[in-house]
Amino acid sequence: MTDAEVVRRVASALPRAYEVQVRGRWKFRVGQIVFVAFSEDEQQIGFGFPKEERDALVASAPDVFFLPSAGDLRYPWVCGNLAALGADEVRELVTDAWRMCVPAMLHDLPELPPPTAEAWALLDADDHAAAAPLLHPYLHWTDRGTALRGRNNVLQHLRHHPRPRPPREVEVRDGQVYRWVR
């Protein structure tokens, strides 16, 4: 059994995602695109899902999933009963809905070991001070032909250069990103 707090933990950990309240209902967005929305009582959720696959999803578990209202059928969207979903299934559905809203370069971030996604999100927001504790003091950084060593050197470099793209590979030591390769 899953509840709204499980969905919130998953969605709020995704880069560029934020929660807003619209007309009494809580929603998660990336930019202005909604990828998860709760019913008013937070017992049901709607989430981004490919239109061409939603009928099969609803048919596979009609007690769990259902189509949105007629006015929302034009959107790639499906709804579900939270109590009938497991935590792993919620994580997969929410993450896939988020992937529909973000650039392809971000798609693999949730699969990388923590705290990679959080560190990248802070660097993407130019919050270097908050990102620093997530980066190892002896960080090995390789990004588009630039190779640097040391957290302070990397942060100094990022202050004068464009935001980094997410890493393709990372190594985490002592809960901090030790190696970042793009």
Protein backbone atom coordinates (compact mmCIF):
# COMPACT_ATOMS: atom_id res chain seq x y z
CA MET A 1 0.00 0.00 0.00
CA THR A 2 1.26 3.41 -0.98
CA ASP A 3 0.27 6.91 0.01
CA ALA A 4 0.91 10.47 -1.17
CA GLU A 5 4.05 10.80 0.97
CA VAL A 6 5.75 7.99 -0.96
CA VAL A 7 4.95 9.78 -4.22
CA ARG A 8 6.26 13.07 -2.77
CA ARG A 9 9.56 11.49 -1.70
CA VAL A 10 10.11 10.04 -5.18
CA ALA A 11 9.03 13.13 -7.13
CA SER A 12 10.78 15.72 -4.99
CA ALA A 13 14.11 13.87 -5.37
CA LEU A 14 14.00 14.25 -9.16
CA PRO A 15 16.03 17.12 -10.64
CA ARG A 16 14.09 20.22 -11.69
CA ALA A 17 10.87 18.89 -10.10
CA TYR A 18 8.89 21.05 -7.69
CA GLU A 19 5.52 20.85 -5.98
CA VAL A 20 2.77 23.45 -6.33
CA GLN A 21 -0.82 23.76 -5.25
CA VAL A 22 -3.34 24.60 -7.98
CA ARG A 23 -7.01 25.06 -7.11
CA GLY A 24 -6.67 23.01 -3.93
CA ARG A 25 -4.78 20.11 -5.53
CA TRP A 26 -1.08 19.35 -5.19
CA LYS A 27 0.92 18.77 -8.37
CA PHE A 28 4.52 18.15 -9.34
CA ARG A 29 5.97 20.06 -12.26
CA VAL A 30 9.09 20.46 -14.32
CA GLY A 31 8.97 24.01 -15.59
CA GLN A 32 5.27 24.49 -16.34
CA ILE A 33 4.64 20.84 -17.30
CA VAL A 34 2.73 18.76 -14.74
CA PHE A 35 3.94 15.18 -14.47
CA VAL A 36 2.09 14.05 -11.31
CA ALA A 37 -1.13 15.38 -9.74
CA PHE A 38 -3.05 14.26 -6.65
CA SER A 39 -6.80 14.13 -6.19
CA GLU A 40 -8.11 16.48 -3.50
CA ASP A 41 -8.16 13.66 -0.92
CA GLU A 42 -4.73 12.41 -2.14
CA GLN A 43 -6.06 8.86 -2.57
CA GLN A 44 -5.60 8.94 -6.36
CA ILE A 45 -2.93 10.28 -8.66
CA GLY A 46 -2.74 11.25 -12.28
CA PHE A 47 0.59 10.97 -14.05
CA GLY A 48 2.16 11.41 -17.44
CA PHE A 49 1.91 8.24 -19.51
CA PRO A 50 2.12 7.65 -23.30
CA LYS A 51 -1.34 7.87 -24.91
CA GLU A 52 -0.72 4.86 -27.13
CA GLU A 53 -0.03 2.63 -24.11
CA ARG A 54 -2.59 3.82 -21.57
CA ASP A 55 -5.53 1.67 -22.76
CA ALA A 56 -3.37 -1.44 -22.30
CA LEU A 57 -2.33 -0.27 -18.82
CA VAL A 58 -5.93 0.32 -17.76
CA ALA A 59 -7.02 -3.04 -19.23
CA SER A 60 -4.20 -4.85 -17.42
CA ALA A 61 -5.36 -3.66 -13.97
CA PRO A 62 -8.76 -1.90 -14.09
CA ASP A 63 -9.01 -1.91 -10.29
CA VAL A 64 -5.76 0.08 -10.11
CA PHE A 65 -5.65 2.31 -13.21
CA PHE A 66 -8.33 4.35 -14.94
CA LEU A 67 -8.60 6.92 -17.72
CA PRO A 68 -8.71 10.63 -16.89
CA SER A 69 -11.84 12.71 -17.43
CA ALA A 70 -13.01 13.20 -21.03
CA GLY A 71 -11.51 16.69 -21.13
CA ASP A 72 -8.08 15.35 -20.24
CA LEU A 73 -7.98 12.44 -22.72
CA ARG A 74 -6.13 14.66 -25.18
CA TYR A 75 -3.11 14.65 -22.84
CA PRO A 76 -0.66 11.77 -22.33
CA TRP A 77 -2.14 11.05 -18.91
CA VAL A 78 -3.56 8.17 -16.87
CA CYS A 79 -4.82 7.89 -13.28
CA GLY A 80 -4.39 5.35 -10.51
CA ASN A 81 -5.52 4.43 -7.00
CA LEU A 82 -2.57 4.94 -4.64
CA ALA A 83 -3.63 2.27 -2.14
CA ALA A 84 -3.40 -0.39 -4.88
CA LEU A 85 0.14 0.55 -5.97
CA GLY A 86 3.39 -0.72 -4.48
CA ALA A 87 6.28 1.58 -3.67
CA ASP A 88 8.47 0.18 -6.48
CA GLU A 89 5.67 0.60 -9.00
CA VAL A 90 5.10 4.20 -7.86
CA ARG A 91 8.82 4.94 -8.20
CA GLU A 92 8.83 3.59 -11.76
CA LEU A 93 5.61 5.37 -12.84
CA VAL A 94 6.60 8.73 -11.33
CA THR A 95 10.13 8.57 -12.71
CA ASP A 96 8.87 7.67 -16.20
CA ALA A 97 6.34 10.53 -16.05
CA TRP A 98 9.18 12.90 -15.06
CA ARG A 99 11.28 11.62 -17.99
CA MET A 100 8.50 12.74 -20.35
CA CYS A 101 9.11 16.35 -19.19
CA VAL A 102 12.88 16.68 -19.08
CA PRO A 103 15.64 16.66 -21.69
CA ALA A 104 17.05 13.23 -22.56
CA MET A 105 20.38 14.14 -20.94
CA LEU A 106 18.67 13.92 -17.52
CA HIS A 107 16.96 10.55 -18.00
CA ASP A 108 19.69 8.45 -16.37
CA LEU A 109 20.18 10.65 -13.27
CA PRO A 110 17.72 8.73 -11.05
CA GLU A 111 19.63 5.50 -11.77
CA LEU A 112 22.99 6.90 -10.63
CA PRO A 113 24.00 6.36 -7.00
CA PRO A 114 23.04 9.01 -4.43
CA PRO A 115 23.91 11.85 -4.02
CA THR A 116 24.60 12.30 -7.76
CA ALA A 117 21.16 13.58 -8.78
CA GLU A 118 21.02 15.96 -5.82
CA ALA A 119 24.54 17.28 -6.51
CA TRP A 120 23.76 17.83 -10.20
CA ALA A 121 20.46 19.57 -9.39
CA LEU A 122 22.27 21.98 -7.05
CA LEU A 123 24.98 22.67 -9.65
CA ASP A 124 22.25 23.16 -12.28
CA ALA A 125 20.68 25.76 -9.98
CA ASP A 126 24.10 27.44 -9.46
CA ASP A 127 23.93 26.65 -5.75
CA HIS A 128 27.61 25.75 -5.40
CA ALA A 129 27.67 26.20 -1.63
CA ALA A 130 24.93 23.59 -1.12
CA ALA A 131 26.53 21.23 -3.67
CA ALA A 132 29.99 21.36 -2.05
CA PRO A 133 29.28 18.90 0.82
CA LEU A 134 28.03 16.35 -1.73
CA LEU A 135 31.31 16.47 -3.65
CA HIS A 136 34.40 14.67 -2.36
CA PRO A 137 37.37 16.96 -1.50
CA TYR A 138 39.53 14.99 -3.98
CA LEU A 139 36.89 14.94 -6.72
CA HIS A 140 38.06 13.74 -10.15
CA TRP A 141 36.05 15.71 -12.73
CA THR A 142 36.05 15.04 -16.47
CA ASP A 143 33.58 16.98 -18.63
CA ARG A 144 33.85 17.58 -22.38
CA GLY A 145 37.62 17.59 -22.51
CA THR A 146 38.13 19.38 -19.21
CA ALA A 147 39.79 17.32 -16.49
CA LEU A 148 40.07 18.76 -12.99
CA ARG A 149 40.96 17.40 -9.59
CA GLY A 150 39.67 18.71 -6.28
CA ARG A 151 36.26 20.00 -5.21
CA ASN A 152 37.43 23.63 -4.87
CA ASN A 153 38.99 23.63 -8.36
CA VAL A 154 35.82 22.18 -9.88
CA LEU A 155 33.54 24.68 -8.14
CA GLN A 156 35.82 27.58 -9.16
CA HIS A 157 35.73 26.33 -12.77
CA LEU A 158 31.92 26.08 -12.72
CA ARG A 159 31.54 29.67 -11.53
CA HIS A 160 32.96 30.86 -14.86
CA HIS A 161 31.68 28.21 -17.26
CA PRO A 162 28.31 26.93 -18.40
CA ARG A 163 26.38 24.57 -16.18
CA PRO A 164 27.61 21.02 -16.47
CA ARG A 165 25.64 18.28 -18.13
CA PRO A 166 24.80 15.32 -15.89
CA PRO A 167 27.50 12.69 -15.58
CA ARG A 168 27.47 9.42 -17.49
CA GLU A 169 29.51 7.67 -14.82
CA VAL A 170 30.16 8.40 -11.18
CA GLU A 171 31.96 6.87 -8.26
CA VAL A 172 30.75 7.62 -4.76
CA ARG A 173 32.99 7.38 -1.69
CA ASP A 174 31.93 8.14 1.86
CA GLY A 175 28.57 9.43 0.61
CA GLN A 176 30.17 12.01 -1.71
CA VAL A 177 30.71 12.06 -5.47
CA TYR A 178 34.38 11.12 -5.92
CA ARG A 179 34.54 10.69 -9.72
CA TRP A 180 32.34 12.53 -12.26
CA VAL A 181 32.68 11.63 -15.95
CA ARG A 182 30.69 13.16 -18.77
